[in-house]
Amino acid sequence: MYKVALSSCGKEINEALFEQYKQAGITAMEIALKPEEYDTFDYARAKELADASGVELWSIHLPFYPFEELDISAVDQELRQRSVEYLAGIIRQAGGVGIDKYIIHPSIEPIADEIRPEKMKAAKESLVSLAAVAKEYGGYVAVENLPRTC
């Protein structure tokens, strides 16, 4: 049987949302929060609501903005390391409630041709680090590449 999944797309994750998903026949949810919500999101409560509704917490879309604060492809080592540590923390929280798929954009844009090789190298290194954290929870990082200049 196939799962029917839908992203929360910045909607408030509450009992009513889970009920709407359930009534619509949606069996799995991707958590996708507004950037300012990741620091205060209650993963345990979301898990309780998911269990009560029968809608599985399928994945979480990791934040990729605000761009000046979060960039796993940054050539600035300090920014890149901060970004990786922040995202690793989210993976740990989500993994702690059983989410095992972590969706990520590998870069921000636009990317000038002359720095693309450096940014690709930095993104690959960051993804390896994040994949190691995901593996601790039996999960994986799924790269969602956008078809523009990413």
N, C-alpha and C. Protein backbone atom coordinates (compact mmCIF):
# COMPACT_ATOMS: atom_id res chain seq x y z
N MET A 1 0.84 -1.17 0.00
CA MET A 1 0.00 0.00 0.00
C MET A 1 0.89 1.25 0.00
N TYR A 2 0.56 2.21 -0.80
CA TYR A 2 1.31 3.44 -0.89
C TYR A 2 0.89 4.41 0.21
N LYS A 3 1.84 5.20 0.65
CA LYS A 3 1.54 6.27 1.58
C LYS A 3 1.08 7.48 0.77
N VAL A 4 0.17 8.23 1.35
CA VAL A 4 -0.23 9.50 0.78
C VAL A 4 0.29 10.55 1.75
N ALA A 5 1.25 11.34 1.30
CA ALA A 5 1.92 12.28 2.20
C ALA A 5 1.74 13.71 1.72
N LEU A 6 1.86 14.63 2.67
CA LEU A 6 1.74 16.05 2.38
C LEU A 6 2.61 16.82 3.36
N SER A 7 3.26 17.86 2.87
CA SER A 7 4.06 18.72 3.73
C SER A 7 3.15 19.65 4.52
N SER A 8 3.60 19.99 5.71
CA SER A 8 2.85 20.95 6.51
C SER A 8 3.02 22.38 5.97
N CYS A 9 4.05 22.61 5.17
CA CYS A 9 4.28 23.88 4.46
C CYS A 9 4.05 25.13 5.31
N GLY A 10 4.62 25.17 6.48
CA GLY A 10 4.53 26.36 7.30
C GLY A 10 3.23 26.52 8.05
N LYS A 11 2.31 25.56 7.92
CA LYS A 11 1.06 25.65 8.67
C LYS A 11 1.33 25.33 10.14
N GLU A 12 0.47 25.81 11.01
CA GLU A 12 0.60 25.49 12.43
C GLU A 12 0.32 24.00 12.60
N ILE A 13 1.25 23.32 13.23
CA ILE A 13 1.11 21.88 13.43
C ILE A 13 0.39 21.66 14.76
N ASN A 14 -0.89 21.32 14.64
CA ASN A 14 -1.73 21.16 15.81
C ASN A 14 -2.72 20.02 15.57
N GLU A 15 -3.57 19.78 16.54
CA GLU A 15 -4.53 18.68 16.45
C GLU A 15 -5.43 18.84 15.23
N ALA A 16 -5.86 20.06 14.95
CA ALA A 16 -6.75 20.30 13.82
C ALA A 16 -6.09 19.93 12.49
N LEU A 17 -4.81 20.24 12.34
CA LEU A 17 -4.11 19.91 11.10
C LEU A 17 -4.02 18.40 10.92
N PHE A 18 -3.67 17.70 11.99
CA PHE A 18 -3.62 16.24 11.89
C PHE A 18 -5.00 15.67 11.54
N GLU A 19 -6.04 16.22 12.11
CA GLU A 19 -7.40 15.76 11.82
C GLU A 19 -7.75 16.02 10.36
N GLN A 20 -7.37 17.19 9.83
CA GLN A 20 -7.61 17.50 8.42
C GLN A 20 -6.90 16.50 7.52
N TYR A 21 -5.65 16.20 7.85
CA TYR A 21 -4.89 15.24 7.06
C TYR A 21 -5.58 13.87 7.10
N LYS A 22 -5.94 13.44 8.29
CA LYS A 22 -6.58 12.14 8.45
C LYS A 22 -7.87 12.08 7.63
N GLN A 23 -8.71 13.10 7.74
CA GLN A 23 -9.99 13.13 7.01
C GLN A 23 -9.78 13.12 5.49
N ALA A 24 -8.67 13.69 5.05
CA ALA A 24 -8.38 13.75 3.61
C ALA A 24 -7.70 12.48 3.10
N GLY A 25 -7.44 11.54 4.01
CA GLY A 25 -6.79 10.29 3.60
C GLY A 25 -5.28 10.40 3.51
N ILE A 26 -4.73 11.45 4.06
CA ILE A 26 -3.27 11.62 4.08
C ILE A 26 -2.73 10.81 5.24
N THR A 27 -1.76 9.95 4.97
CA THR A 27 -1.25 9.04 5.99
C THR A 27 0.11 9.42 6.55
N ALA A 28 0.75 10.41 5.94
CA ALA A 28 2.09 10.80 6.40
C ALA A 28 2.30 12.30 6.19
N MET A 29 3.06 12.90 7.09
CA MET A 29 3.31 14.35 7.06
C MET A 29 4.81 14.64 7.01
N GLU A 30 5.17 15.57 6.15
CA GLU A 30 6.50 16.15 6.21
C GLU A 30 6.39 17.44 7.00
N ILE A 31 7.17 17.55 8.05
CA ILE A 31 7.20 18.79 8.82
C ILE A 31 8.04 19.80 8.05
N ALA A 32 7.44 20.94 7.75
CA ALA A 32 8.13 22.05 7.10
C ALA A 32 7.69 23.32 7.83
N LEU A 33 8.59 23.85 8.61
CA LEU A 33 8.27 24.98 9.48
C LEU A 33 8.77 26.29 8.90
N LYS A 34 8.25 27.38 9.44
CA LYS A 34 8.82 28.69 9.15
C LYS A 34 10.17 28.76 9.86
N PRO A 35 11.13 29.49 9.32
CA PRO A 35 12.47 29.50 9.90
C PRO A 35 12.51 29.79 11.40
N GLU A 36 11.67 30.72 11.84
CA GLU A 36 11.70 31.10 13.26
C GLU A 36 11.07 30.05 14.17
N GLU A 37 10.43 29.03 13.62
CA GLU A 37 9.75 28.02 14.44
C GLU A 37 10.62 26.82 14.80
N TYR A 38 11.71 26.62 14.11
CA TYR A 38 12.54 25.43 14.36
C TYR A 38 13.11 25.41 15.78
N ASP A 39 13.45 26.57 16.31
CA ASP A 39 14.06 26.62 17.64
C ASP A 39 13.09 26.29 18.76
N THR A 40 11.80 26.47 18.54
CA THR A 40 10.83 26.27 19.61
C THR A 40 9.84 25.15 19.32
N PHE A 41 9.97 24.47 18.20
CA PHE A 41 9.02 23.44 17.83
C PHE A 41 9.04 22.30 18.84
N ASP A 42 7.86 21.84 19.21
CA ASP A 42 7.71 20.77 20.20
C ASP A 42 7.57 19.43 19.46
N TYR A 43 8.69 18.76 19.25
CA TYR A 43 8.69 17.49 18.52
C TYR A 43 7.91 16.42 19.26
N ALA A 44 8.02 16.39 20.59
CA ALA A 44 7.30 15.38 21.38
C ALA A 44 5.79 15.55 21.22
N ARG A 45 5.32 16.78 21.24
CA ARG A 45 3.89 17.04 21.07
C ARG A 45 3.43 16.64 19.67
N ALA A 46 4.24 16.95 18.67
CA ALA A 46 3.90 16.56 17.30
C ALA A 46 3.79 15.04 17.20
N LYS A 47 4.68 14.34 17.85
CA LYS A 47 4.65 12.87 17.86
C LYS A 47 3.37 12.37 18.53
N GLU A 48 2.99 12.97 19.64
CA GLU A 48 1.74 12.59 20.32
C GLU A 48 0.54 12.78 19.38
N LEU A 49 0.49 13.92 18.72
CA LEU A 49 -0.61 14.21 17.80
C LEU A 49 -0.62 13.24 16.62
N ALA A 50 0.56 12.94 16.12
CA ALA A 50 0.68 12.00 15.01
C ALA A 50 0.18 10.62 15.42
N ASP A 51 0.62 10.16 16.57
CA ASP A 51 0.20 8.85 17.05
C ASP A 51 -1.31 8.79 17.27
N ALA A 52 -1.86 9.84 17.83
CA ALA A 52 -3.30 9.88 18.11
C ALA A 52 -4.14 9.90 16.83
N SER A 53 -3.62 10.52 15.79
CA SER A 53 -4.38 10.66 14.54
C SER A 53 -4.14 9.52 13.56
N GLY A 54 -3.03 8.82 13.74
CA GLY A 54 -2.67 7.79 12.77
C GLY A 54 -1.96 8.34 11.55
N VAL A 55 -1.57 9.60 11.60
CA VAL A 55 -0.80 10.23 10.52
C VAL A 55 0.67 10.19 10.93
N GLU A 56 1.47 9.52 10.14
CA GLU A 56 2.88 9.32 10.46
C GLU A 56 3.71 10.59 10.25
N LEU A 57 4.63 10.84 11.17
CA LEU A 57 5.63 11.89 10.93
C LEU A 57 6.67 11.28 10.01
N TRP A 58 6.59 11.61 8.74
CA TRP A 58 7.36 10.95 7.70
C TRP A 58 8.76 11.54 7.54
N SER A 59 8.84 12.88 7.51
CA SER A 59 10.12 13.54 7.25
C SER A 59 10.07 14.95 7.80
N ILE A 60 11.24 15.59 7.78
CA ILE A 60 11.31 17.00 8.13
C ILE A 60 12.14 17.70 7.07
N HIS A 61 11.63 18.83 6.62
CA HIS A 61 12.37 19.65 5.66
C HIS A 61 13.21 20.61 6.47
N LEU A 62 14.52 20.45 6.39
CA LEU A 62 15.42 21.30 7.15
C LEU A 62 15.40 22.72 6.59
N PRO A 63 15.55 23.71 7.47
CA PRO A 63 15.52 25.10 6.99
C PRO A 63 16.74 25.41 6.13
N PHE A 64 16.57 26.35 5.21
CA PHE A 64 17.69 26.77 4.37
C PHE A 64 17.78 28.28 4.26
N TYR A 65 17.06 28.97 5.09
CA TYR A 65 17.14 30.42 5.14
C TYR A 65 16.79 30.85 6.55
N PRO A 66 17.16 31.99 7.03
CA PRO A 66 17.65 33.14 6.26
C PRO A 66 19.07 32.89 5.71
N PHE A 67 19.25 33.24 4.45
CA PHE A 67 20.46 32.92 3.72
C PHE A 67 21.73 33.45 4.37
N GLU A 68 21.65 34.62 4.97
CA GLU A 68 22.87 35.19 5.55
C GLU A 68 23.28 34.49 6.85
N GLU A 69 22.41 33.62 7.37
CA GLU A 69 22.70 32.92 8.62
C GLU A 69 22.85 31.41 8.47
N LEU A 70 22.43 30.87 7.34
CA LEU A 70 22.36 29.42 7.19
C LEU A 70 22.76 29.03 5.78
N ASP A 71 23.91 28.37 5.65
CA ASP A 71 24.38 27.97 4.33
C ASP A 71 25.40 26.85 4.47
N ILE A 72 24.99 25.62 4.17
CA ILE A 72 25.93 24.50 4.30
C ILE A 72 26.96 24.48 3.18
N SER A 73 26.77 25.33 2.18
CA SER A 73 27.75 25.41 1.09
C SER A 73 28.64 26.65 1.21
N ALA A 74 28.56 27.32 2.34
CA ALA A 74 29.33 28.55 2.51
C ALA A 74 30.83 28.27 2.42
N VAL A 75 31.54 29.13 1.72
CA VAL A 75 32.99 29.00 1.69
C VAL A 75 33.59 29.60 2.96
N ASP A 76 32.84 30.43 3.65
CA ASP A 76 33.22 30.94 4.96
C ASP A 76 33.07 29.77 5.95
N GLN A 77 34.19 29.24 6.41
CA GLN A 77 34.20 28.04 7.25
C GLN A 77 33.37 28.22 8.52
N GLU A 78 33.43 29.39 9.13
CA GLU A 78 32.69 29.63 10.37
C GLU A 78 31.17 29.56 10.13
N LEU A 79 30.70 30.20 9.07
CA LEU A 79 29.27 30.16 8.74
C LEU A 79 28.85 28.74 8.40
N ARG A 80 29.66 28.05 7.64
CA ARG A 80 29.32 26.67 7.26
C ARG A 80 29.24 25.77 8.47
N GLN A 81 30.19 25.89 9.38
CA GLN A 81 30.20 25.04 10.58
C GLN A 81 29.00 25.35 11.48
N ARG A 82 28.70 26.62 11.64
CA ARG A 82 27.51 27.00 12.43
C ARG A 82 26.25 26.42 11.80
N SER A 83 26.16 26.48 10.49
CA SER A 83 24.99 25.95 9.78
C SER A 83 24.86 24.45 9.98
N VAL A 84 25.96 23.74 9.85
CA VAL A 84 25.94 22.28 10.03
C VAL A 84 25.56 21.92 11.46
N GLU A 85 26.12 22.62 12.43
CA GLU A 85 25.79 22.33 13.83
C GLU A 85 24.31 22.60 14.12
N TYR A 86 23.78 23.68 13.58
CA TYR A 86 22.38 24.01 13.79
C TYR A 86 21.48 22.92 13.19
N LEU A 87 21.76 22.54 11.96
CA LEU A 87 20.95 21.52 11.30
C LEU A 87 21.10 20.15 11.96
N ALA A 88 22.29 19.85 12.45
CA ALA A 88 22.50 18.59 13.17
C ALA A 88 21.63 18.55 14.43
N GLY A 89 21.48 19.68 15.08
CA GLY A 89 20.61 19.76 16.26
C GLY A 89 19.16 19.47 15.91
N ILE A 90 18.71 19.97 14.78
CA ILE A 90 17.34 19.70 14.35
C ILE A 90 17.18 18.22 14.02
N ILE A 91 18.16 17.65 13.35
CA ILE A 91 18.11 16.21 13.03
C ILE A 91 18.01 15.40 14.32
N ARG A 92 18.78 15.77 15.32
CA ARG A 92 18.73 15.03 16.59
C ARG A 92 17.36 15.12 17.25
N GLN A 93 16.76 16.30 17.23
CA GLN A 93 15.43 16.46 17.81
C GLN A 93 14.39 15.65 17.03
N ALA A 94 14.42 15.76 15.73
CA ALA A 94 13.46 15.03 14.90
C ALA A 94 13.71 13.52 15.00
N GLY A 95 14.96 13.14 14.98
CA GLY A 95 15.30 11.72 15.11
C GLY A 95 14.85 11.14 16.44
N GLY A 96 14.84 11.98 17.46
CA GLY A 96 14.43 11.55 18.79
C GLY A 96 12.96 11.14 18.87
N VAL A 97 12.15 11.57 17.91
CA VAL A 97 10.73 11.17 17.89
C VAL A 97 10.44 10.22 16.73
N GLY A 98 11.49 9.71 16.11
CA GLY A 98 11.31 8.69 15.08
C GLY A 98 11.32 9.16 13.65
N ILE A 99 11.49 10.44 13.41
CA ILE A 99 11.60 10.91 12.03
C ILE A 99 12.97 10.49 11.52
N ASP A 100 13.01 9.92 10.32
CA ASP A 100 14.29 9.42 9.82
C ASP A 100 14.66 9.89 8.42
N LYS A 101 13.89 10.84 7.90
CA LYS A 101 14.20 11.42 6.59
C LYS A 101 14.33 12.93 6.76
N TYR A 102 15.49 13.45 6.34
CA TYR A 102 15.82 14.85 6.57
C TYR A 102 16.09 15.49 5.21
N ILE A 103 15.15 16.31 4.76
CA ILE A 103 15.21 16.90 3.44
C ILE A 103 16.01 18.20 3.52
N ILE A 104 16.94 18.38 2.58
CA ILE A 104 17.80 19.55 2.64
C ILE A 104 18.11 20.08 1.25
N HIS A 105 18.21 21.40 1.15
CA HIS A 105 18.72 22.04 -0.06
C HIS A 105 20.23 22.18 0.14
N PRO A 106 21.04 21.82 -0.85
CA PRO A 106 22.49 21.82 -0.66
C PRO A 106 23.17 23.18 -0.76
N SER A 107 22.41 24.21 -1.13
CA SER A 107 23.04 25.52 -1.25
C SER A 107 21.97 26.59 -1.31
N ILE A 108 22.45 27.81 -1.29
CA ILE A 108 21.58 28.95 -1.54
C ILE A 108 21.98 29.51 -2.90
N GLU A 109 21.24 30.45 -3.37
CA GLU A 109 21.55 30.99 -4.69
C GLU A 109 21.35 32.49 -4.72
N PRO A 110 21.83 33.16 -5.73
CA PRO A 110 22.51 32.64 -6.91
C PRO A 110 23.97 32.31 -6.61
N ILE A 111 24.52 31.43 -7.41
CA ILE A 111 25.91 31.02 -7.27
C ILE A 111 26.66 31.42 -8.54
N ALA A 112 27.67 32.23 -8.36
CA ALA A 112 28.49 32.65 -9.50
C ALA A 112 29.34 31.48 -9.97
N ASP A 113 29.53 31.37 -11.26
CA ASP A 113 30.30 30.27 -11.84
C ASP A 113 31.69 30.14 -11.23
N GLU A 114 32.32 31.26 -10.92
CA GLU A 114 33.70 31.20 -10.42
C GLU A 114 33.81 30.63 -9.00
N ILE A 115 32.74 30.64 -8.22
CA ILE A 115 32.84 30.04 -6.87
C ILE A 115 32.07 28.72 -6.75
N ARG A 116 31.40 28.30 -7.83
CA ARG A 116 30.63 27.06 -7.80
C ARG A 116 31.46 25.86 -7.34
N PRO A 117 32.67 25.62 -7.84
CA PRO A 117 33.43 24.45 -7.38
C PRO A 117 33.71 24.47 -5.86
N GLU A 118 34.02 25.64 -5.33
CA GLU A 118 34.27 25.74 -3.88
C GLU A 118 33.00 25.46 -3.09
N LYS A 119 31.89 26.00 -3.55
CA LYS A 119 30.61 25.80 -2.85
C LYS A 119 30.17 24.34 -2.94
N MET A 120 30.40 23.70 -4.07
CA MET A 120 30.04 22.28 -4.20
C MET A 120 30.88 21.43 -3.25
N LYS A 121 32.15 21.74 -3.14
CA LYS A 121 33.03 21.01 -2.23
C LYS A 121 32.55 21.20 -0.78
N ALA A 122 32.25 22.42 -0.42
CA ALA A 122 31.78 22.72 0.94
C ALA A 122 30.46 22.01 1.22
N ALA A 123 29.54 22.03 0.26
CA ALA A 123 28.24 21.37 0.44
C ALA A 123 28.42 19.87 0.63
N LYS A 124 29.28 19.26 -0.15
CA LYS A 124 29.53 17.82 -0.03
C LYS A 124 30.06 17.48 1.36
N GLU A 125 31.01 18.27 1.84
CA GLU A 125 31.57 18.03 3.18
C GLU A 125 30.48 18.17 4.25
N SER A 126 29.65 19.18 4.12
CA SER A 126 28.56 19.39 5.07
C SER A 126 27.57 18.24 5.03
N LEU A 127 27.22 17.79 3.84
CA LEU A 127 26.26 16.69 3.70
C LEU A 127 26.80 15.41 4.31
N VAL A 128 28.09 15.16 4.17
CA VAL A 128 28.69 13.98 4.81
C VAL A 128 28.53 14.07 6.32
N SER A 129 28.80 15.23 6.88
CA SER A 129 28.66 15.41 8.33
C SER A 129 27.21 15.22 8.78
N LEU A 130 26.28 15.80 8.05
CA LEU A 130 24.86 15.68 8.42
C LEU A 130 24.36 14.25 8.23
N ALA A 131 24.85 13.56 7.20
CA ALA A 131 24.45 12.17 6.99
C ALA A 131 24.91 11.29 8.15
N ALA A 132 26.08 11.60 8.71
CA ALA A 132 26.57 10.83 9.86
C ALA A 132 25.64 11.00 11.06
N VAL A 133 25.15 12.20 11.27
CA VAL A 133 24.21 12.45 12.37
C VAL A 133 22.90 11.71 12.08
N ALA A 134 22.40 11.80 10.86
CA ALA A 134 21.16 11.12 10.49
C ALA A 134 21.27 9.61 10.70
N LYS A 135 22.42 9.06 10.39
CA LYS A 135 22.65 7.63 10.54
C LYS A 135 22.50 7.18 12.00
N GLU A 136 22.82 8.06 12.94
CA GLU A 136 22.66 7.74 14.36
C GLU A 136 21.20 7.41 14.69
N TYR A 137 20.27 7.90 13.89
CA TYR A 137 18.84 7.70 14.11
C TYR A 137 18.25 6.74 13.07
N GLY A 138 19.11 6.02 12.38
CA GLY A 138 18.65 5.09 11.36
C GLY A 138 18.09 5.79 10.14
N GLY A 139 18.48 7.03 9.96
CA GLY A 139 17.90 7.83 8.89
C GLY A 139 18.91 8.25 7.85
N TYR A 140 18.45 9.12 6.98
CA TYR A 140 19.30 9.62 5.91
C TYR A 140 18.90 11.03 5.54
N VAL A 141 19.84 11.69 4.88
CA VAL A 141 19.63 13.03 4.37
C VAL A 141 19.24 12.90 2.90
N ALA A 142 18.14 13.52 2.55
CA ALA A 142 17.68 13.50 1.15
C ALA A 142 17.90 14.90 0.57
N VAL A 143 18.71 14.99 -0.45
CA VAL A 143 19.06 16.27 -1.06
C VAL A 143 17.99 16.65 -2.08
N GLU A 144 17.42 17.81 -1.88
CA GLU A 144 16.44 18.36 -2.82
C GLU A 144 17.12 19.50 -3.57
N ASN A 145 17.55 19.20 -4.76
CA ASN A 145 18.24 20.18 -5.57
C ASN A 145 17.21 20.97 -6.36
N LEU A 146 17.35 22.26 -6.37
CA LEU A 146 16.42 23.11 -7.10
C LEU A 146 16.96 23.38 -8.49
N PRO A 147 16.10 23.40 -9.48
CA PRO A 147 16.56 23.52 -10.87
C PRO A 147 16.79 24.95 -11.34
N ARG A 148 17.53 25.69 -10.57
CA ARG A 148 17.84 27.06 -10.98
C ARG A 148 19.36 27.19 -11.01
N THR A 149 19.93 27.96 -10.11
CA THR A 149 21.38 28.09 -10.08
C THR A 149 22.00 27.38 -8.90
N CYS A 150 21.21 26.60 -8.18
CA CYS A 150 21.75 25.84 -7.04
C CYS A 150 22.80 24.86 -7.53
